[in-house]
Amino acid sequence: MALITNILLMATVILTTAAQADFDDLPVTIRARVLTVFERLRAWPATSGAKPMRGALAGHYRIRTGDWRVLFHPVGSTVIVDRIANRRDVYDE
């Protein structure tokens, strides 16, 4: 009988320049919550709570933390965070 081991592959999370600026402007309490979202994204594609976007944002996903949204898209084993914003502003572009 062969021994099968589970290897947990971790994705690399990268922020775009816009997402980094969004992150830098967040209140400290929200920044801490977004950091936990980044940790969850490292488990991509086994990340719970990620919802696929439609329309112009097809191919992207979002995760919410309270009233804040983290929009991202996967590229291979990398997750690229595009935006971090309040739900009332995040889809405006």
N, C-alpha and C. Protein backbone atom coordinates (compact mmCIF):
# COMPACT_ATOMS: atom_id res chain seq x y z
N MET A 1 0.85 -1.18 0.00
CA MET A 1 0.00 0.00 0.00
C MET A 1 0.89 1.24 0.00
N ALA A 2 0.61 2.14 -0.89
CA ALA A 2 1.41 3.36 -1.01
C ALA A 2 0.92 4.40 -0.01
N LEU A 3 1.84 5.14 0.53
CA LEU A 3 1.51 6.22 1.45
C LEU A 3 1.32 7.49 0.64
N ILE A 4 0.15 8.08 0.77
CA ILE A 4 -0.14 9.32 0.05
C ILE A 4 -0.10 10.45 1.05
N THR A 5 0.66 11.47 0.72
CA THR A 5 0.74 12.64 1.60
C THR A 5 0.10 13.82 0.90
N ASN A 6 -0.54 14.66 1.66
CA ASN A 6 -1.13 15.89 1.12
C ASN A 6 -0.09 16.99 1.21
N ILE A 7 0.13 17.63 0.10
CA ILE A 7 1.05 18.75 0.07
C ILE A 7 0.21 20.01 -0.08
N LEU A 8 0.35 20.91 0.85
CA LEU A 8 -0.41 22.15 0.80
C LEU A 8 0.39 23.17 0.01
N LEU A 9 -0.10 23.49 -1.16
CA LEU A 9 0.55 24.49 -1.99
C LEU A 9 0.03 25.86 -1.61
N MET A 10 0.93 26.79 -1.46
CA MET A 10 0.55 28.13 -1.07
C MET A 10 0.73 29.07 -2.25
N ALA A 11 -0.29 29.86 -2.51
CA ALA A 11 -0.22 30.86 -3.57
C ALA A 11 0.55 32.08 -3.08
N THR A 12 1.13 32.78 -4.00
CA THR A 12 1.79 34.05 -3.71
C THR A 12 0.77 35.16 -3.92
N VAL A 13 0.65 36.06 -2.96
CA VAL A 13 -0.30 37.17 -3.05
C VAL A 13 0.48 38.44 -3.38
N ILE A 14 0.10 39.08 -4.49
CA ILE A 14 0.75 40.31 -4.94
C ILE A 14 -0.29 41.41 -5.04
N LEU A 15 0.06 42.61 -4.60
CA LEU A 15 -0.83 43.76 -4.71
C LEU A 15 -0.40 44.63 -5.88
N THR A 16 -1.38 45.09 -6.67
CA THR A 16 -1.07 46.07 -7.70
C THR A 16 -0.75 47.39 -7.01
N THR A 17 -0.24 48.34 -7.76
CA THR A 17 0.07 49.66 -7.20
C THR A 17 -1.18 50.30 -6.62
N ALA A 18 -2.31 50.16 -7.32
CA ALA A 18 -3.57 50.73 -6.84
C ALA A 18 -4.02 50.04 -5.56
N ALA A 19 -3.89 48.71 -5.49
CA ALA A 19 -4.29 47.98 -4.29
C ALA A 19 -3.39 48.34 -3.12
N GLN A 20 -2.10 48.54 -3.37
CA GLN A 20 -1.19 48.94 -2.30
C GLN A 20 -1.56 50.32 -1.75
N ALA A 21 -1.93 51.24 -2.65
CA ALA A 21 -2.38 52.57 -2.22
C ALA A 21 -3.67 52.46 -1.42
N ASP A 22 -4.60 51.60 -1.88
CA ASP A 22 -5.85 51.37 -1.13
C ASP A 22 -5.52 50.86 0.27
N PHE A 23 -4.63 49.87 0.34
CA PHE A 23 -4.26 49.26 1.62
C PHE A 23 -3.64 50.29 2.55
N ASP A 24 -2.74 51.12 2.02
CA ASP A 24 -2.06 52.13 2.84
C ASP A 24 -3.02 53.16 3.40
N ASP A 25 -4.14 53.40 2.70
CA ASP A 25 -5.12 54.40 3.14
C ASP A 25 -6.17 53.84 4.09
N LEU A 26 -6.17 52.54 4.34
CA LEU A 26 -7.18 51.94 5.20
C LEU A 26 -6.96 52.31 6.67
N PRO A 27 -8.06 52.42 7.44
CA PRO A 27 -7.91 52.55 8.88
C PRO A 27 -7.19 51.32 9.44
N VAL A 28 -6.48 51.48 10.53
CA VAL A 28 -5.66 50.40 11.09
C VAL A 28 -6.49 49.15 11.38
N THR A 29 -7.69 49.30 11.90
CA THR A 29 -8.51 48.12 12.23
C THR A 29 -8.92 47.35 10.97
N ILE A 30 -9.23 48.08 9.91
CA ILE A 30 -9.61 47.42 8.66
C ILE A 30 -8.38 46.80 8.02
N ARG A 31 -7.25 47.45 8.12
CA ARG A 31 -6.00 46.91 7.57
C ARG A 31 -5.70 45.54 8.16
N ALA A 32 -5.91 45.39 9.46
CA ALA A 32 -5.68 44.10 10.12
C ALA A 32 -6.63 43.03 9.57
N ARG A 33 -7.88 43.39 9.33
CA ARG A 33 -8.83 42.43 8.77
C ARG A 33 -8.46 42.04 7.35
N VAL A 34 -7.98 42.99 6.56
CA VAL A 34 -7.59 42.71 5.18
C VAL A 34 -6.35 41.80 5.17
N LEU A 35 -5.46 41.96 6.13
CA LEU A 35 -4.30 41.06 6.22
C LEU A 35 -4.74 39.61 6.42
N THR A 36 -5.82 39.39 7.17
CA THR A 36 -6.31 38.02 7.34
C THR A 36 -6.90 37.50 6.03
N VAL A 37 -7.48 38.39 5.21
CA VAL A 37 -7.97 37.99 3.89
C VAL A 37 -6.78 37.56 3.02
N PHE A 38 -5.68 38.30 3.09
CA PHE A 38 -4.49 37.92 2.32
C PHE A 38 -4.00 36.53 2.72
N GLU A 39 -4.03 36.23 4.01
CA GLU A 39 -3.64 34.90 4.47
C GLU A 39 -4.57 33.84 3.90
N ARG A 40 -5.86 34.13 3.86
CA ARG A 40 -6.81 33.19 3.26
C ARG A 40 -6.54 32.99 1.78
N LEU A 41 -6.15 34.05 1.09
CA LEU A 41 -5.88 33.97 -0.35
C LEU A 41 -4.65 33.11 -0.64
N ARG A 42 -3.76 32.96 0.31
CA ARG A 42 -2.58 32.12 0.11
C ARG A 42 -2.98 30.66 -0.11
N ALA A 43 -4.19 30.28 0.30
CA ALA A 43 -4.68 28.91 0.13
C ALA A 43 -5.42 28.74 -1.20
N TRP A 44 -5.35 29.73 -2.09
CA TRP A 44 -6.08 29.65 -3.35
C TRP A 44 -5.71 28.39 -4.11
N PRO A 45 -6.63 27.62 -4.65
CA PRO A 45 -8.05 27.90 -4.89
C PRO A 45 -8.97 27.39 -3.79
N ALA A 46 -8.43 26.92 -2.69
CA ALA A 46 -9.26 26.40 -1.60
C ALA A 46 -9.72 27.50 -0.66
N THR A 47 -9.75 28.72 -1.12
CA THR A 47 -10.14 29.87 -0.31
C THR A 47 -11.65 29.93 -0.19
N SER A 48 -12.16 29.93 1.02
CA SER A 48 -13.61 30.02 1.19
C SER A 48 -14.07 31.48 1.13
N GLY A 49 -15.27 31.67 0.66
CA GLY A 49 -15.86 33.00 0.64
C GLY A 49 -15.55 33.82 -0.60
N ALA A 50 -14.75 33.30 -1.52
CA ALA A 50 -14.44 34.03 -2.75
C ALA A 50 -15.59 33.85 -3.73
N LYS A 51 -16.07 34.95 -4.27
CA LYS A 51 -17.18 34.89 -5.23
C LYS A 51 -16.70 35.39 -6.59
N PRO A 52 -17.04 34.67 -7.65
CA PRO A 52 -16.64 35.12 -8.99
C PRO A 52 -17.43 36.36 -9.40
N MET A 53 -16.77 37.25 -10.11
CA MET A 53 -17.40 38.46 -10.60
C MET A 53 -17.96 38.18 -12.00
N ARG A 54 -18.88 39.03 -12.44
CA ARG A 54 -19.50 38.88 -13.75
C ARG A 54 -19.33 40.17 -14.55
N GLY A 55 -19.76 40.11 -15.79
CA GLY A 55 -19.74 41.31 -16.63
C GLY A 55 -18.32 41.75 -16.94
N ALA A 56 -18.08 43.05 -16.80
CA ALA A 56 -16.77 43.63 -17.11
C ALA A 56 -15.67 43.08 -16.20
N LEU A 57 -16.04 42.56 -15.04
CA LEU A 57 -15.06 42.02 -14.09
C LEU A 57 -14.97 40.50 -14.14
N ALA A 58 -15.50 39.89 -15.18
CA ALA A 58 -15.42 38.43 -15.32
C ALA A 58 -13.95 38.00 -15.28
N GLY A 59 -13.68 36.91 -14.57
CA GLY A 59 -12.31 36.44 -14.39
C GLY A 59 -11.71 36.91 -13.08
N HIS A 60 -12.39 37.84 -12.44
CA HIS A 60 -11.96 38.35 -11.14
C HIS A 60 -12.87 37.75 -10.07
N TYR A 61 -12.41 37.85 -8.84
CA TYR A 61 -13.17 37.37 -7.68
C TYR A 61 -13.18 38.46 -6.63
N ARG A 62 -14.06 38.29 -5.66
CA ARG A 62 -14.07 39.22 -4.52
C ARG A 62 -14.26 38.44 -3.24
N ILE A 63 -13.65 38.96 -2.21
CA ILE A 63 -13.86 38.47 -0.84
C ILE A 63 -14.26 39.68 -0.02
N ARG A 64 -15.25 39.50 0.83
CA ARG A 64 -15.67 40.61 1.68
C ARG A 64 -15.20 40.40 3.10
N THR A 65 -14.96 41.50 3.76
CA THR A 65 -14.72 41.52 5.20
C THR A 65 -15.48 42.73 5.72
N GLY A 66 -16.65 42.47 6.27
CA GLY A 66 -17.53 43.55 6.69
C GLY A 66 -18.01 44.31 5.47
N ASP A 67 -17.87 45.63 5.49
CA ASP A 67 -18.27 46.47 4.36
C ASP A 67 -17.15 46.66 3.34
N TRP A 68 -16.04 45.98 3.51
CA TRP A 68 -14.88 46.13 2.64
C TRP A 68 -14.77 44.95 1.70
N ARG A 69 -14.30 45.22 0.48
CA ARG A 69 -14.14 44.19 -0.54
C ARG A 69 -12.70 44.16 -1.03
N VAL A 70 -12.21 42.95 -1.24
CA VAL A 70 -10.90 42.74 -1.84
C VAL A 70 -11.16 42.07 -3.19
N LEU A 71 -10.84 42.77 -4.28
CA LEU A 71 -11.01 42.22 -5.62
C LEU A 71 -9.67 41.69 -6.10
N PHE A 72 -9.69 40.50 -6.70
CA PHE A 72 -8.45 39.87 -7.12
C PHE A 72 -8.69 38.96 -8.30
N HIS A 73 -7.59 38.54 -8.92
CA HIS A 73 -7.67 37.53 -9.98
C HIS A 73 -6.45 36.62 -9.88
N PRO A 74 -6.68 35.32 -10.09
CA PRO A 74 -5.58 34.37 -10.01
C PRO A 74 -4.86 34.25 -11.36
N VAL A 75 -3.55 34.08 -11.29
CA VAL A 75 -2.72 33.82 -12.47
C VAL A 75 -1.77 32.70 -12.07
N GLY A 76 -2.10 31.48 -12.46
CA GLY A 76 -1.30 30.33 -12.05
C GLY A 76 -1.33 30.18 -10.54
N SER A 77 -0.17 30.15 -9.92
CA SER A 77 -0.10 30.02 -8.46
C SER A 77 0.06 31.38 -7.78
N THR A 78 -0.30 32.43 -8.49
CA THR A 78 -0.22 33.79 -7.94
C THR A 78 -1.62 34.38 -7.89
N VAL A 79 -1.90 35.10 -6.81
CA VAL A 79 -3.16 35.82 -6.68
C VAL A 79 -2.81 37.31 -6.70
N ILE A 80 -3.37 38.02 -7.67
CA ILE A 80 -3.09 39.44 -7.81
C ILE A 80 -4.28 40.23 -7.28
N VAL A 81 -4.04 41.03 -6.25
CA VAL A 81 -5.08 41.87 -5.65
C VAL A 81 -5.12 43.17 -6.44
N ASP A 82 -6.31 43.49 -6.97
CA ASP A 82 -6.47 44.67 -7.81
C ASP A 82 -7.01 45.88 -7.06
N ARG A 83 -7.93 45.67 -6.15
CA ARG A 83 -8.57 46.76 -5.41
C ARG A 83 -8.92 46.33 -4.01
N ILE A 84 -8.91 47.28 -3.10
CA ILE A 84 -9.41 47.10 -1.73
C ILE A 84 -10.20 48.36 -1.43
N ALA A 85 -11.50 48.22 -1.26
CA ALA A 85 -12.31 49.42 -1.06
C ALA A 85 -13.61 49.07 -0.35
N ASN A 86 -14.27 50.11 0.12
CA ASN A 86 -15.58 49.95 0.73
C ASN A 86 -16.56 49.50 -0.34
N ARG A 87 -17.56 48.74 0.07
CA ARG A 87 -18.51 48.16 -0.89
C ARG A 87 -19.22 49.22 -1.71
N ARG A 88 -19.40 50.41 -1.19
CA ARG A 88 -20.11 51.46 -1.94
C ARG A 88 -19.25 52.04 -3.06
N ASP A 89 -17.92 51.84 -2.99
CA ASP A 89 -17.01 52.44 -3.97
C ASP A 89 -16.27 51.43 -4.84
N VAL A 90 -16.20 50.18 -4.43
CA VAL A 90 -15.28 49.25 -5.06
C VAL A 90 -15.61 48.93 -6.51
N TYR A 91 -16.86 48.96 -6.89
CA TYR A 91 -17.24 48.57 -8.25
C TYR A 91 -17.28 49.77 -9.20
N ASP A 92 -17.04 50.97 -8.70
CA ASP A 92 -17.03 52.18 -9.53
C ASP A 92 -15.67 52.32 -10.20
N GLU A 93 -15.66 52.28 -11.50
CA GLU A 93 -14.40 52.52 -12.24
C GLU A 93 -14.71 52.97 -13.62
